[in-house]
């Protein structure tokens, strides 16, 4: 896959392209239906399957207070598109100048001009241009004049609801990680550095890996069945993860993400890990003493082992190495 991070980087041979445009946060099952259609059209016509996304999210520029907490950074979104057949991605810096482009300027200068689009595929709620003035009908009209066809891909629905990034964010924020995984077509994961904790856990309860992550969206506080992966060596372990504020030890302001491995940690402690959230076990709670907390952690670990014994063949495939 070729990834470009500005219009200046886009080569003259980017087109002719079958192009989809959007934010694609999470690259969920609805996004994937569009990406697969892009691949199909590109293969049929001999064009290049391509995507245009924005960084930062446009709301960060035009309405910062309404900007969502994102599930995936742009580079991860691009890597998730690759298995669906997308071969080139422009991550367009969304600036005030881009925000001021009219729908026609955006379509003429960027879509048809720099990206050589011959087909543009979008969802039915697609809006573009200054003040979101353009919609799918605007795009169709512009395409007829600028030389690209427009195809609107219907939303994917689950349980009577359209799959959307905002809906999945809500699932994660309410702790419904197993349902989010089905809509994402993979477990939601946090990545980051393993950092030193306060040492209390290893002395009084059980040893854990403490994750420091730059991720914007953290699942609701609580205890989860997880799968932990060493990003450098690809070693992997079944695990239990607590997201919370360590109330048993008096902490109340600093969120921690602590993972207890169910399998022995042979070799060096990982430096960078990915923690995939599979199922929420319970709320975080305060225990009367560390011994009571340790006993509950071991019960949580037993519940996690039962979960893996029951569901291992049904788990979504883990993320490819980033």
Protein backbone atom coordinates (compact mmCIF):
# COMPACT_ATOMS: atom_id res chain seq x y z
CA UNK A 1 0.00 0.00 0.00
CA UNK A 2 1.13 3.53 -0.80
CA UNK A 3 0.27 6.21 1.76
CA UNK A 4 0.50 9.93 1.00
CA UNK A 5 0.22 12.58 3.69
CA UNK A 6 -0.27 15.71 1.59
CA UNK A 7 -1.37 16.76 -1.86
CA UNK A 8 2.24 17.62 -2.64
CA UNK A 9 3.18 13.95 -2.19
CA UNK A 10 0.48 12.67 -4.56
CA UNK A 11 2.14 11.42 -7.76
CA UNK A 12 0.89 12.21 -11.24
CA UNK A 13 -0.03 8.54 -11.73
CA UNK A 14 -2.39 8.35 -8.71
CA UNK A 15 -5.28 8.03 -11.14
CA UNK A 16 -7.30 6.80 -12.79
CA UNK A 17 -8.80 5.74 -9.48
CA UNK A 18 -11.90 4.25 -7.92
CA UNK A 19 -12.04 6.42 -4.83
CA UNK A 20 -13.88 6.42 -1.52
CA UNK A 21 -13.91 9.46 0.75
CA UNK A 22 -14.51 9.63 4.49
CA UNK A 23 -13.06 9.56 7.98
CA UNK A 24 -13.29 5.75 8.35
CA UNK A 25 -12.71 5.80 12.10
CA UNK A 26 -12.53 2.19 13.25
CA UNK A 27 -12.78 0.83 9.67
CA UNK A 28 -15.92 -1.03 10.74
CA UNK A 29 -18.11 -3.44 8.81
CA UNK A 30 -19.99 -0.59 7.12
CA UNK A 31 -16.75 0.95 5.90
CA UNK A 32 -15.56 -2.44 4.71
CA UNK A 33 -18.62 -2.88 2.49
CA UNK A 34 -17.63 0.34 0.71
CA UNK A 35 -13.97 -0.67 0.47
CA UNK A 36 -14.85 -4.05 -1.02
CA UNK A 37 -17.04 -2.36 -3.61
CA UNK A 38 -14.17 0.02 -4.47
CA UNK A 39 -11.92 -2.98 -5.03
CA UNK A 40 -14.51 -4.65 -7.26
CA UNK A 41 -15.06 -1.59 -9.47
CA UNK A 42 -11.33 -0.93 -9.72
CA UNK A 43 -10.68 -4.52 -10.79
CA UNK A 44 -13.48 -4.43 -13.36
CA UNK A 45 -12.32 -1.15 -14.93
CA UNK A 46 -8.56 -1.42 -14.54
CA UNK A 47 -8.43 1.52 -12.12
CA UNK A 48 -6.59 1.91 -8.81
CA UNK A 49 -8.55 1.17 -5.61
CA UNK A 50 -8.01 4.25 -3.46
CA UNK A 51 -9.20 6.10 -0.36
CA UNK A 52 -9.15 9.70 0.82
CA UNK A 53 -9.32 10.41 4.55
CA UNK A 54 -8.64 13.44 6.70
CA UNK A 55 -6.34 14.26 9.61
CA UNK A 56 -7.27 15.75 11.95
CA UNK A 57 -10.94 14.84 11.98
CA UNK A 58 -12.74 17.80 10.30
CA UNK A 59 -14.71 18.50 13.47
CA UNK A 60 -11.44 19.32 15.24
CA UNK A 61 -11.09 22.29 12.89
CA UNK A 62 -14.67 23.47 12.35
CA UNK A 63 -16.39 22.45 15.60
CA UNK A 64 -13.80 21.39 18.22
CA UNK A 65 -16.34 20.95 21.00
CA UNK A 66 -18.18 18.33 18.94
CA UNK A 67 -15.07 16.46 17.83
CA UNK A 68 -15.28 12.75 18.72
CA UNK A 69 -12.66 10.73 20.54
CA UNK A 70 -11.26 8.55 17.77
CA UNK A 71 -10.85 4.78 17.85
CA UNK A 72 -8.00 4.60 15.33
CA UNK A 73 -5.23 6.95 14.18
CA UNK A 74 -4.96 7.53 10.42
CA UNK A 75 -2.03 5.17 9.86
CA UNK A 76 -3.88 2.31 11.54
CA UNK A 77 -6.96 3.05 9.45
CA UNK A 78 -4.84 2.78 6.31
CA UNK A 79 -3.34 -0.55 7.41
CA UNK A 80 -6.84 -1.90 8.11
CA UNK A 81 -7.89 -0.93 4.59
CA UNK A 82 -5.10 -2.90 2.94
CA UNK A 83 -6.68 -6.37 3.46
CA UNK A 84 -9.82 -5.07 1.73
CA UNK A 85 -7.83 -4.35 -1.43
CA UNK A 86 -7.17 -0.62 -1.11
CA UNK A 87 -3.79 0.09 -2.72
CA UNK A 88 -3.30 3.81 -2.14
CA UNK A 89 -4.47 6.26 0.51
CA UNK A 90 -4.23 10.01 0.80
CA UNK A 91 -4.35 11.23 4.41
CA UNK A 92 -5.23 14.83 3.63
CA UNK A 93 -4.32 17.40 6.30
CA UNK A 94 -7.63 19.06 7.13
CA UNK A 95 -6.85 22.76 7.44
CA UNK A 96 -8.96 25.90 7.46
CA UNK A 97 -8.12 26.29 3.76
CA UNK A 98 -9.53 22.83 3.02
CA UNK A 99 -12.57 23.60 5.18
CA UNK A 100 -13.28 26.70 3.08
CA UNK A 101 -13.39 24.81 -0.24
CA UNK A 102 -16.81 24.78 -1.85
CA UNK A 103 -18.17 21.39 -2.92
CA UNK A 104 -17.27 22.18 -6.54
CA UNK A 105 -13.74 23.32 -5.65
CA UNK A 106 -13.18 20.18 -3.57
CA UNK A 107 -14.48 17.89 -6.33
CA UNK A 108 -12.70 19.71 -9.16
CA UNK A 109 -9.33 20.40 -7.55
CA UNK A 110 -8.84 17.32 -5.37
CA UNK A 111 -11.18 14.48 -6.36
CA UNK A 112 -11.15 14.77 -10.14
CA UNK A 113 -7.96 16.80 -10.43
CA UNK A 114 -5.20 15.54 -8.17
CA UNK A 115 -6.66 12.07 -7.49
CA UNK A 116 -7.92 11.30 -10.99
CA UNK A 117 -11.16 9.75 -9.74
CA UNK A 118 -13.28 7.96 -12.32
CA UNK A 119 -15.65 6.54 -9.71
CA UNK A 120 -16.41 7.93 -6.26
CA UNK A 121 -18.09 5.70 -3.67
CA UNK A 122 -19.56 7.11 -0.46
CA UNK A 123 -22.12 6.33 2.21
CA UNK A 124 -25.63 7.72 2.02
CA UNK A 125 -24.94 10.34 4.71
CA UNK A 126 -21.89 11.78 2.93
CA UNK A 127 -21.47 15.56 3.18
CA UNK A 128 -18.61 17.66 1.87
CA UNK A 129 -17.47 21.19 1.14
CA UNK A 130 -17.72 24.40 3.14
CA UNK A 131 -20.42 24.21 5.82
CA UNK A 132 -21.24 20.66 4.62
CA UNK A 133 -23.04 22.25 1.69
CA UNK A 134 -22.59 19.22 -0.58
CA UNK A 135 -24.40 15.89 -0.33
CA UNK A 136 -24.63 12.78 -2.49
CA UNK A 137 -26.86 14.52 -5.05
CA UNK A 138 -24.35 17.36 -5.29
CA UNK A 139 -21.60 14.80 -5.82
CA UNK A 140 -23.55 13.08 -8.58
CA UNK A 141 -24.15 16.37 -10.38
CA UNK A 142 -20.51 17.40 -10.09
CA UNK A 143 -19.35 13.97 -11.22
CA UNK A 144 -21.43 14.19 -14.39
CA UNK A 145 -19.60 17.40 -15.26
CA UNK A 146 -16.14 16.46 -14.04
CA UNK A 147 -15.93 12.94 -15.44
CA UNK A 148 -16.51 10.60 -12.53
CA UNK A 149 -19.45 8.36 -11.67
CA UNK A 150 -20.91 8.38 -8.18
CA UNK A 151 -22.12 5.33 -6.30
CA UNK A 152 -23.84 5.48 -2.93
CA UNK A 153 -23.28 2.31 -0.89
CA UNK A 154 -26.15 1.56 1.51
CA UNK A 155 -25.46 1.50 5.23
CA UNK A 156 -24.92 -1.88 6.86
CA UNK A 157 -27.45 -2.56 9.60
CA UNK A 158 -27.21 -4.78 12.65
CA UNK A 159 -30.15 -5.39 14.98
CA UNK A 160 -32.09 -2.73 13.10
CA UNK A 161 -29.40 -0.07 13.61
CA UNK A 162 -27.00 1.35 11.04
CA UNK A 163 -23.42 0.48 11.86
CA UNK A 164 -21.54 3.73 12.41
CA UNK A 165 -18.39 4.92 14.11
CA UNK A 166 -20.39 6.96 16.62
CA UNK A 167 -22.52 3.94 17.56
CA UNK A 168 -19.42 1.78 18.08
CA UNK A 169 -17.82 4.49 20.21
CA UNK A 170 -20.92 4.40 22.37
CA UNK A 171 -20.65 0.62 22.71
CA UNK A 172 -17.05 0.89 23.87
CA UNK A 173 -17.81 3.71 26.27
CA UNK A 174 -20.54 1.55 27.84
CA UNK A 175 -18.25 -1.50 28.08
CA UNK A 176 -20.01 -3.57 25.38
CA UNK A 177 -16.74 -4.60 23.79
CA UNK A 178 -17.91 -7.97 22.46
CA UNK A 179 -20.67 -6.34 20.40
CA UNK A 180 -18.26 -3.63 19.25
CA UNK A 181 -15.87 -6.37 18.06
CA UNK A 182 -18.59 -7.88 15.88
CA UNK A 183 -19.35 -4.50 14.29
CA UNK A 184 -15.64 -3.72 13.86
CA UNK A 185 -14.93 -7.26 12.54
CA UNK A 186 -12.08 -7.45 15.05
CA UNK A 187 -11.53 -6.84 18.77
CA UNK A 188 -11.03 -3.22 19.81
CA UNK A 189 -7.41 -2.83 20.90
CA UNK A 190 -5.24 -0.35 22.76
CA UNK A 191 -1.55 -0.09 21.96
CA UNK A 192 1.29 1.54 23.83
CA UNK A 193 4.32 1.26 26.06
CA UNK A 194 4.64 -0.98 29.11
CA UNK A 195 5.46 1.31 32.03
CA UNK A 196 6.45 0.74 35.62
CA UNK A 197 3.60 0.74 38.12
CA UNK A 198 3.81 1.53 41.81
CA UNK A 199 4.85 -2.02 42.60
CA UNK A 200 1.90 -2.62 44.90
CA UNK A 201 0.29 -5.20 42.66
CA UNK A 202 3.33 -7.43 42.34
CA UNK A 203 3.89 -7.34 46.11
CA UNK A 204 0.34 -7.64 47.42
CA UNK A 205 -1.88 -9.04 44.65
CA UNK A 206 -0.64 -10.31 41.27
CA UNK A 207 1.98 -8.98 38.81
CA UNK A 208 0.62 -6.99 35.89
CA UNK A 209 1.73 -5.23 32.72
CA UNK A 210 0.83 -1.55 32.96
CA UNK A 211 -0.08 0.05 29.63
CA UNK A 212 0.51 3.68 28.76
CA UNK A 213 -1.40 4.54 25.60
CA UNK A 214 -2.02 7.63 23.48
CA UNK A 215 -5.41 6.23 22.42
CA UNK A 216 -8.26 8.70 22.66
CA UNK A 217 -11.06 6.24 23.37
CA UNK A 218 -10.67 3.93 26.36
CA UNK A 219 -13.39 1.35 27.11
CA UNK A 220 -15.53 1.92 30.20
CA UNK A 221 -13.83 1.24 33.51
CA UNK A 222 -14.07 -2.35 34.65
CA UNK A 223 -12.50 -5.78 34.31
CA UNK A 224 -12.22 -7.41 30.89
CA UNK A 225 -11.16 -10.65 29.28
CA UNK A 226 -8.41 -9.60 26.90
CA UNK A 227 -5.73 -10.87 24.57
CA UNK A 228 -2.30 -9.28 24.96
CA UNK A 229 0.30 -9.18 22.21
CA UNK A 230 3.96 -8.18 22.27
CA UNK A 231 4.23 -5.75 19.35
CA UNK A 232 7.95 -6.42 18.91
CA UNK A 233 8.03 -10.22 19.01
CA UNK A 234 4.35 -11.10 18.35
CA UNK A 235 4.23 -13.28 21.47
CA UNK A 236 0.64 -13.42 22.70
CA UNK A 237 -1.12 -14.31 25.94
CA UNK A 238 -4.67 -14.73 27.17
CA UNK A 239 -5.20 -12.13 29.86
CA UNK A 240 -7.45 -10.16 32.19
CA UNK A 241 -7.30 -6.37 32.16
CA UNK A 242 -8.52 -3.82 34.67
CA UNK A 243 -9.32 -0.34 33.41
CA UNK A 244 -9.84 1.98 36.32
CA UNK A 245 -8.59 4.02 39.24
CA UNK A 246 -7.34 1.40 41.72
CA UNK A 247 -9.84 2.31 44.50
CA UNK A 248 -8.55 -0.45 46.81
CA UNK A 249 -5.21 1.40 47.02
CA UNK A 250 -6.68 4.86 47.37
CA UNK A 251 -6.00 6.09 43.83
CA UNK A 252 -8.83 8.21 42.47
CA UNK A 253 -7.59 10.48 39.67
CA UNK A 254 -5.17 8.59 37.43
CA UNK A 255 -6.66 6.04 35.06
CA UNK A 256 -4.62 2.84 34.81
CA UNK A 257 -4.77 -0.09 32.41
CA UNK A 258 -3.33 -3.16 34.16
CA UNK A 259 -3.14 -6.56 32.52
CA UNK A 260 -2.66 -9.90 34.28
CA UNK A 261 -1.39 -12.63 31.95
CA UNK A 262 -3.07 -16.02 32.31
CA UNK A 263 -0.09 -17.76 30.72
CA UNK A 264 3.48 -17.61 32.09
CA UNK A 265 5.63 -14.75 30.85
CA UNK A 266 8.71 -16.51 29.52
CA UNK A 267 11.57 -14.29 28.49
CA UNK A 268 11.85 -10.54 28.69
CA UNK A 269 9.00 -8.27 29.71
CA UNK A 270 7.46 -6.71 26.58
CA UNK A 271 8.27 -3.08 25.84
CA UNK A 272 5.22 -2.41 23.65
CA UNK A 273 1.94 -4.27 23.76
CA UNK A 274 -1.50 -4.39 22.18
CA UNK A 275 -4.43 -5.29 24.45
CA UNK A 276 -7.53 -6.59 22.63
CA UNK A 277 -10.81 -6.28 24.57
CA UNK A 278 -13.03 -9.36 24.19
CA UNK A 279 -15.62 -9.41 26.98
CA UNK A 280 -16.46 -7.34 30.05
CA UNK A 281 -16.43 -9.35 33.28
CA UNK A 282 -17.56 -6.82 35.88
CA UNK A 283 -17.42 -3.28 37.22
CA UNK A 284 -14.33 -2.06 39.02
CA UNK A 285 -14.92 -2.03 42.76
CA UNK A 286 -13.14 -1.23 46.00
CA UNK A 287 -12.11 -4.18 48.18
CA UNK A 288 -11.49 -4.10 51.90
CA UNK A 289 -7.86 -5.18 51.57
CA UNK A 290 -5.33 -6.38 48.96
CA UNK A 291 -5.95 -10.03 49.89
CA UNK A 292 -9.63 -9.73 48.96
CA UNK A 293 -8.67 -8.04 45.69
CA UNK A 294 -6.18 -10.81 44.89
CA UNK A 295 -8.83 -13.47 45.50
CA UNK A 296 -11.20 -11.67 43.14
CA UNK A 297 -8.51 -11.30 40.46
CA UNK A 298 -7.94 -15.06 40.59
CA UNK A 299 -11.70 -15.61 40.23
CA UNK A 300 -11.71 -13.26 37.26
CA UNK A 301 -8.81 -15.23 35.77
CA UNK A 302 -10.77 -18.46 36.18
CA UNK A 303 -13.75 -16.89 34.43
CA UNK A 304 -11.45 -15.76 31.61
CA UNK A 305 -10.05 -19.28 31.18
CA UNK A 306 -13.58 -20.60 30.87
CA UNK A 307 -14.32 -17.91 28.31
CA UNK A 308 -11.33 -18.87 26.18
CA UNK A 309 -12.14 -22.57 26.44
CA UNK A 310 -15.68 -21.87 25.25
CA UNK A 311 -15.15 -19.24 22.57
CA UNK A 312 -11.61 -19.53 21.22
CA UNK A 313 -12.70 -20.89 17.80
CA UNK A 314 -15.23 -18.05 17.45
CA UNK A 315 -12.98 -15.10 18.27
CA UNK A 316 -12.38 -12.51 15.53
CA UNK A 317 -8.96 -12.72 13.94
CA UNK A 318 -6.42 -10.51 15.77
CA UNK A 319 -5.09 -7.37 14.20
CA UNK A 320 -2.17 -7.76 11.83
CA UNK A 321 1.13 -6.39 13.17
CA UNK A 322 1.30 -2.63 12.76
